[in-house]
């Protein structure tokens, strides 16, 4: 479809749960940095950064809704 998977996840589980998922996923990419065959450290780090940025974005949106 035309919707991003992360946006579908937010629609199903909400911003709070998806932000936690993003933080956990970023942690996973950082922990395996340089250890996964076929993945460069740079690529893994970019993925970690993307998930960290998305978690921050979702938390900021939650904060705006609550205050």
PDB file of N, CA and C in Angstrom:
ATOM      1  N   UNK A   1       0.814  -1.194   0.000  1.00  0.00           N
ATOM      2  CA  UNK A   1       0.000   0.000   0.000  1.00  0.00           C
ATOM      3  C   UNK A   1       0.853   1.251   0.000  1.00  0.00           C
ATOM      4  N   UNK A   2       0.184   2.360   0.112  1.00  0.00           N
ATOM      5  CA  UNK A   2       0.870   3.646   0.061  1.00  0.00           C
ATOM      6  C   UNK A   2       1.301   4.132   1.443  1.00  0.00           C
ATOM      7  N   UNK A   3       0.914   3.415   2.491  1.00  0.00           N
ATOM      8  CA  UNK A   3       1.242   3.825   3.852  1.00  0.00           C
ATOM      9  C   UNK A   3       2.515   3.114   4.323  1.00  0.00           C
ATOM     10  N   UNK A   4       3.379   3.848   5.008  1.00  0.00           N
ATOM     11  CA  UNK A   4       4.589   3.262   5.571  1.00  0.00           C
ATOM     12  C   UNK A   4       4.214   2.298   6.695  1.00  0.00           C
ATOM     13  N   UNK A   5       4.986   1.251   6.855  1.00  0.00           N
ATOM     14  CA  UNK A   5       4.719   0.258   7.900  1.00  0.00           C
ATOM     15  C   UNK A   5       4.745   0.914   9.281  1.00  0.00           C
ATOM     16  N   UNK A   6       5.693   1.813   9.520  1.00  0.00           N
ATOM     17  CA  UNK A   6       5.787   2.459  10.823  1.00  0.00           C
ATOM     18  C   UNK A   6       4.518   3.256  11.116  1.00  0.00           C
ATOM     19  N   UNK A   7       3.925   3.864  10.089  1.00  0.00           N
ATOM     20  CA  UNK A   7       2.676   4.609  10.266  1.00  0.00           C
ATOM     21  C   UNK A   7       1.507   3.668  10.565  1.00  0.00           C
ATOM     22  N   UNK A   8       1.508   2.500   9.951  1.00  0.00           N
ATOM     23  CA  UNK A   8       0.477   1.502  10.259  1.00  0.00           C
ATOM     24  C   UNK A   8       0.629   1.022  11.695  1.00  0.00           C
ATOM     25  N   UNK A   9       1.867   0.851  12.137  1.00  0.00           N
ATOM     26  CA  UNK A   9       2.118   0.432  13.510  1.00  0.00           C
ATOM     27  C   UNK A   9       1.580   1.470  14.492  1.00  0.00           C
ATOM     28  N   UNK A  10       1.804   2.744  14.202  1.00  0.00           N
ATOM     29  CA  UNK A  10       1.290   3.812  15.058  1.00  0.00           C
ATOM     30  C   UNK A  10      -0.231   3.774  15.093  1.00  0.00           C
ATOM     31  N   UNK A  11      -0.852   3.547  13.939  1.00  0.00           N
ATOM     32  CA  UNK A  11      -2.315   3.491  13.882  1.00  0.00           C
ATOM     33  C   UNK A  11      -2.859   2.319  14.704  1.00  0.00           C
ATOM     34  N   UNK A  12      -2.143   1.218  14.747  1.00  0.00           N
ATOM     35  CA  UNK A  12      -2.601   0.025  15.466  1.00  0.00           C
ATOM     36  C   UNK A  12      -2.258   0.097  16.952  1.00  0.00           C
ATOM     37  N   UNK A  13      -1.005   0.397  17.287  1.00  0.00           N
ATOM     38  CA  UNK A  13      -0.544   0.309  18.678  1.00  0.00           C
ATOM     39  C   UNK A  13      -0.379   1.653  19.375  1.00  0.00           C
ATOM     40  N   UNK A  14      -0.349   2.732  18.622  1.00  0.00           N
ATOM     41  CA  UNK A  14      -0.201   4.053  19.224  1.00  0.00           C
ATOM     42  C   UNK A  14       1.251   4.504  19.300  1.00  0.00           C
ATOM     43  N   UNK A  15       1.410   5.806  19.478  1.00  0.00           N
ATOM     44  CA  UNK A  15       2.744   6.423  19.453  1.00  0.00           C
ATOM     45  C   UNK A  15       3.628   5.972  20.601  1.00  0.00           C
ATOM     46  N   UNK A  16       3.047   5.799  21.783  1.00  0.00           N
ATOM     47  CA  UNK A  16       3.870   5.424  22.933  1.00  0.00           C
ATOM     48  C   UNK A  16       4.521   4.058  22.736  1.00  0.00           C
ATOM     49  N   UNK A  17       3.723   3.060  22.346  1.00  0.00           N
ATOM     50  CA  UNK A  17       4.270   1.715  22.157  1.00  0.00           C
ATOM     51  C   UNK A  17       5.250   1.660  20.991  1.00  0.00           C
ATOM     52  N   UNK A  18       4.949   2.380  19.921  1.00  0.00           N
ATOM     53  CA  UNK A  18       5.852   2.356  18.763  1.00  0.00           C
ATOM     54  C   UNK A  18       7.154   3.091  19.097  1.00  0.00           C
ATOM     55  N   UNK A  19       7.088   4.136  19.920  1.00  0.00           N
ATOM     56  CA  UNK A  19       8.325   4.821  20.303  1.00  0.00           C
ATOM     57  C   UNK A  19       9.222   3.880  21.113  1.00  0.00           C
ATOM     58  N   UNK A  20       8.624   3.066  21.973  1.00  0.00           N
ATOM     59  CA  UNK A  20       9.402   2.072  22.731  1.00  0.00           C
ATOM     60  C   UNK A  20      10.001   1.036  21.776  1.00  0.00           C
ATOM     61  N   UNK A  21       9.215   0.588  20.821  1.00  0.00           N
ATOM     62  CA  UNK A  21       9.710  -0.360  19.808  1.00  0.00           C
ATOM     63  C   UNK A  21      10.922   0.238  19.087  1.00  0.00           C
ATOM     64  N   UNK A  22      10.827   1.507  18.730  1.00  0.00           N
ATOM     65  CA  UNK A  22      11.931   2.168  18.022  1.00  0.00           C
ATOM     66  C   UNK A  22      13.186   2.227  18.881  1.00  0.00           C
ATOM     67  N   UNK A  23      13.016   2.537  20.162  1.00  0.00           N
ATOM     68  CA  UNK A  23      14.170   2.581  21.062  1.00  0.00           C
ATOM     69  C   UNK A  23      14.825   1.206  21.200  1.00  0.00           C
ATOM     70  N   UNK A  24      14.005   0.170  21.327  1.00  0.00           N
ATOM     71  CA  UNK A  24      14.534  -1.190  21.443  1.00  0.00           C
ATOM     72  C   UNK A  24      15.243  -1.603  20.156  1.00  0.00           C
ATOM     73  N   UNK A  25      14.664  -1.265  19.023  1.00  0.00           N
ATOM     74  CA  UNK A  25      15.269  -1.615  17.738  1.00  0.00           C
ATOM     75  C   UNK A  25      16.592  -0.880  17.546  1.00  0.00           C
ATOM     76  N   UNK A  26      16.653   0.389  17.936  1.00  0.00           N
ATOM     77  CA  UNK A  26      17.908   1.149  17.855  1.00  0.00           C
ATOM     78  C   UNK A  26      18.976   0.491  18.725  1.00  0.00           C
ATOM     79  N   UNK A  27      18.577   0.055  19.916  1.00  0.00           N
ATOM     80  CA  UNK A  27      19.504  -0.641  20.814  1.00  0.00           C
ATOM     81  C   UNK A  27      20.039  -1.899  20.148  1.00  0.00           C
ATOM     82  N   UNK A  28      19.159  -2.656  19.509  1.00  0.00           N
ATOM     83  CA  UNK A  28      19.561  -3.888  18.824  1.00  0.00           C
ATOM     84  C   UNK A  28      20.608  -3.591  17.750  1.00  0.00           C
ATOM     85  N   UNK A  29      20.361  -2.565  16.923  1.00  0.00           N
ATOM     86  CA  UNK A  29      21.322  -2.232  15.872  1.00  0.00           C
ATOM     87  C   UNK A  29      22.660  -1.803  16.460  1.00  0.00           C
ATOM     88  N   UNK A  30      22.648  -1.069  17.558  1.00  0.00           N
ATOM     89  CA  UNK A  30      23.897  -0.637  18.176  1.00  0.00           C
ATOM     90  C   UNK A  30      24.657  -1.813  18.792  1.00  0.00           C
ATOM     91  N   UNK A  31      23.934  -2.751  19.381  1.00  0.00           N
ATOM     92  CA  UNK A  31      24.582  -3.902  20.024  1.00  0.00           C
ATOM     93  C   UNK A  31      25.241  -4.843  19.014  1.00  0.00           C
ATOM     94  N   UNK A  32      24.658  -4.963  17.834  1.00  0.00           N
ATOM     95  CA  UNK A  32      25.249  -5.867  16.851  1.00  0.00           C
ATOM     96  C   UNK A  32      26.150  -5.150  15.851  1.00  0.00           C
ATOM     97  N   UNK A  33      26.412  -3.880  16.095  1.00  0.00           N
ATOM     98  CA  UNK A  33      27.246  -3.063  15.223  1.00  0.00           C
ATOM     99  C   UNK A  33      28.567  -3.770  14.922  1.00  0.00           C
ATOM    100  N   UNK A  34      28.791  -4.036  13.641  1.00  0.00           N
ATOM    101  CA  UNK A  34      30.022  -4.679  13.215  1.00  0.00           C
ATOM    102  C   UNK A  34      30.056  -6.191  13.356  1.00  0.00           C
ATOM    103  N   UNK A  35      28.965  -6.798  13.832  1.00  0.00           N
ATOM    104  CA  UNK A  35      28.954  -8.240  14.059  1.00  0.00           C
ATOM    105  C   UNK A  35      28.058  -9.024  13.097  1.00  0.00           C
ATOM    106  N   UNK A  36      27.152  -8.356  12.411  1.00  0.00           N
ATOM    107  CA  UNK A  36      26.229  -9.072  11.522  1.00  0.00           C
ATOM    108  C   UNK A  36      26.877  -9.224  10.138  1.00  0.00           C
ATOM    109  N   UNK A  37      27.005 -10.443   9.675  1.00  0.00           N
ATOM    110  CA  UNK A  37      27.596 -10.667   8.355  1.00  0.00           C
ATOM    111  C   UNK A  37      26.793  -9.957   7.262  1.00  0.00           C
ATOM    112  N   UNK A  38      27.504  -9.338   6.348  1.00  0.00           N
ATOM    113  CA  UNK A  38      26.859  -8.694   5.205  1.00  0.00           C
ATOM    114  C   UNK A  38      26.339  -7.293   5.490  1.00  0.00           C
ATOM    115  N   UNK A  39      26.485  -6.809   6.718  1.00  0.00           N
ATOM    116  CA  UNK A  39      26.031  -5.462   7.069  1.00  0.00           C
ATOM    117  C   UNK A  39      27.235  -4.631   7.509  1.00  0.00           C
ATOM    118  N   UNK A  40      27.366  -3.471   6.921  1.00  0.00           N
ATOM    119  CA  UNK A  40      28.454  -2.595   7.340  1.00  0.00           C
ATOM    120  C   UNK A  40      28.070  -1.874   8.632  1.00  0.00           C
ATOM    121  N   UNK A  41      29.060  -1.508   9.394  1.00  0.00           N
ATOM    122  CA  UNK A  41      28.808  -0.756  10.618  1.00  0.00           C
ATOM    123  C   UNK A  41      28.111   0.561  10.316  1.00  0.00           C
ATOM    124  N   UNK A  42      28.495   1.185   9.208  1.00  0.00           N
ATOM    125  CA  UNK A  42      27.882   2.459   8.824  1.00  0.00           C
ATOM    126  C   UNK A  42      26.388   2.297   8.565  1.00  0.00           C
ATOM    127  N   UNK A  43      26.021   1.220   7.877  1.00  0.00           N
ATOM    128  CA  UNK A  43      24.609   0.977   7.581  1.00  0.00           C
ATOM    129  C   UNK A  43      23.823   0.685   8.858  1.00  0.00           C
ATOM    130  N   UNK A  44      24.400  -0.099   9.744  1.00  0.00           N
ATOM    131  CA  UNK A  44      23.738  -0.414  11.014  1.00  0.00           C
ATOM    132  C   UNK A  44      23.574   0.854  11.852  1.00  0.00           C
ATOM    133  N   UNK A  45      24.578   1.716  11.847  1.00  0.00           N
ATOM    134  CA  UNK A  45      24.517   2.952  12.603  1.00  0.00           C
ATOM    135  C   UNK A  45      23.449   3.890  12.037  1.00  0.00           C
ATOM    136  N   UNK A  46      23.328   3.931  10.722  1.00  0.00           N
ATOM    137  CA  UNK A  46      22.273   4.737  10.096  1.00  0.00           C
ATOM    138  C   UNK A  46      20.889   4.245  10.517  1.00  0.00           C
ATOM    139  N   UNK A  47      20.725   2.936  10.573  1.00  0.00           N
ATOM    140  CA  UNK A  47      19.445   2.368  11.007  1.00  0.00           C
ATOM    141  C   UNK A  47      19.162   2.735  12.460  1.00  0.00           C
ATOM    142  N   UNK A  48      20.173   2.633  13.306  1.00  0.00           N
ATOM    143  CA  UNK A  48      20.010   2.984  14.719  1.00  0.00           C
ATOM    144  C   UNK A  48      19.599   4.448  14.848  1.00  0.00           C
ATOM    145  N   UNK A  49      20.266   5.314  14.100  1.00  0.00           N
ATOM    146  CA  UNK A  49      19.937   6.740  14.138  1.00  0.00           C
ATOM    147  C   UNK A  49      18.503   6.986  13.677  1.00  0.00           C
ATOM    148  N   UNK A  50      18.067   6.288  12.623  1.00  0.00           N
ATOM    149  CA  UNK A  50      16.708   6.473  12.114  1.00  0.00           C
ATOM    150  C   UNK A  50      15.692   6.117  13.194  1.00  0.00           C
ATOM    151  N   UNK A  51      15.894   4.986  13.851  1.00  0.00           N
ATOM    152  CA  UNK A  51      14.957   4.557  14.893  1.00  0.00           C
ATOM    153  C   UNK A  51      14.994   5.493  16.100  1.00  0.00           C
ATOM    154  N   UNK A  52      16.160   5.987  16.456  1.00  0.00           N
ATOM    155  CA  UNK A  52      16.256   6.931  17.572  1.00  0.00           C
ATOM    156  C   UNK A  52      15.531   8.235  17.243  1.00  0.00           C
ATOM    157  N   UNK A  53      15.714   8.703  16.019  1.00  0.00           N
ATOM    158  CA  UNK A  53      15.046   9.930  15.581  1.00  0.00           C
ATOM    159  C   UNK A  53      13.525   9.737  15.572  1.00  0.00           C
ATOM    160  N   UNK A  54      13.072   8.594  15.087  1.00  0.00           N
ATOM    161  CA  UNK A  54      11.631   8.315  15.042  1.00  0.00           C
ATOM    162  C   UNK A  54      11.055   8.239  16.450  1.00  0.00           C
ATOM    163  N   UNK A  55      11.756   7.613  17.383  1.00  0.00           N
ATOM    164  CA  UNK A  55      11.291   7.526  18.769  1.00  0.00           C
ATOM    165  C   UNK A  55      11.159   8.929  19.360  1.00  0.00           C
ATOM    166  N   UNK A  56      12.138   9.761  19.113  1.00  0.00           N
ATOM    167  CA  UNK A  56      12.117  11.133  19.626  1.00  0.00           C
ATOM    168  C   UNK A  56      10.944  11.913  19.027  1.00  0.00           C
ATOM    169  N   UNK A  57      10.726  11.746  17.733  1.00  0.00           N
ATOM    170  CA  UNK A  57       9.623  12.415  17.043  1.00  0.00           C
ATOM    171  C   UNK A  57       8.275  11.989  17.638  1.00  0.00           C
ATOM    172  N   UNK A  58       8.096  10.696  17.848  1.00  0.00           N
ATOM    173  CA  UNK A  58       6.843  10.187  18.399  1.00  0.00           C
ATOM    174  C   UNK A  58       6.617  10.678  19.822  1.00  0.00           C
ATOM    175  N   UNK A  59       7.676  10.700  20.622  1.00  0.00           N
ATOM    176  CA  UNK A  59       7.553  11.182  22.007  1.00  0.00           C
ATOM    177  C   UNK A  59       7.221  12.677  22.044  1.00  0.00           C
ATOM    178  N   UNK A  60       7.809  13.434  21.120  1.00  0.00           N
ATOM    179  CA  UNK A  60       7.515  14.863  21.040  1.00  0.00           C
ATOM    180  C   UNK A  60       6.038  15.073  20.685  1.00  0.00           C
ATOM    181  N   UNK A  61       5.531  14.289  19.739  1.00  0.00           N
ATOM    182  CA  UNK A  61       4.115  14.373  19.364  1.00  0.00           C
ATOM    183  C   UNK A  61       3.217  13.995  20.544  1.00  0.00           C
ATOM    184  N   UNK A  62       3.598  12.982  21.302  1.00  0.00           N
ATOM    185  CA  UNK A  62       2.833  12.583  22.489  1.00  0.00           C
ATOM    186  C   UNK A  62       2.821  13.702  23.518  1.00  0.00           C
ATOM    187  N   UNK A  63       3.954  14.321  23.728  1.00  0.00           N
ATOM    188  CA  UNK A  63       4.061  15.397  24.701  1.00  0.00           C
ATOM    189  C   UNK A  63       3.132  16.544  24.328  1.00  0.00           C
ATOM    190  N   UNK A  64       3.106  16.891  23.027  1.00  0.00           N
ATOM    191  CA  UNK A  64       2.238  17.975  22.553  1.00  0.00           C
ATOM    192  C   UNK A  64       0.772  17.641  22.783  1.00  0.00           C
ATOM    193  N   UNK A  65       0.391  16.375  22.602  1.00  0.00           N
ATOM    194  CA  UNK A  65      -0.992  15.963  22.808  1.00  0.00           C
ATOM    195  C   UNK A  65      -1.402  16.021  24.275  1.00  0.00           C
ATOM    196  N   UNK A  66      -0.464  15.746  25.160  1.00  0.00           N
ATOM    197  CA  UNK A  66      -0.768  15.661  26.581  1.00  0.00           C
ATOM    198  C   UNK A  66      -0.649  16.987  27.322  1.00  0.00           C
ATOM    199  N   UNK A  67      -0.024  18.002  26.694  1.00  0.00           N
ATOM    200  CA  UNK A  67       0.164  19.279  27.401  1.00  0.00           C
ATOM    201  C   UNK A  67      -0.272  20.451  26.604  1.00  0.00           C
TER     202      UNK A  67
END
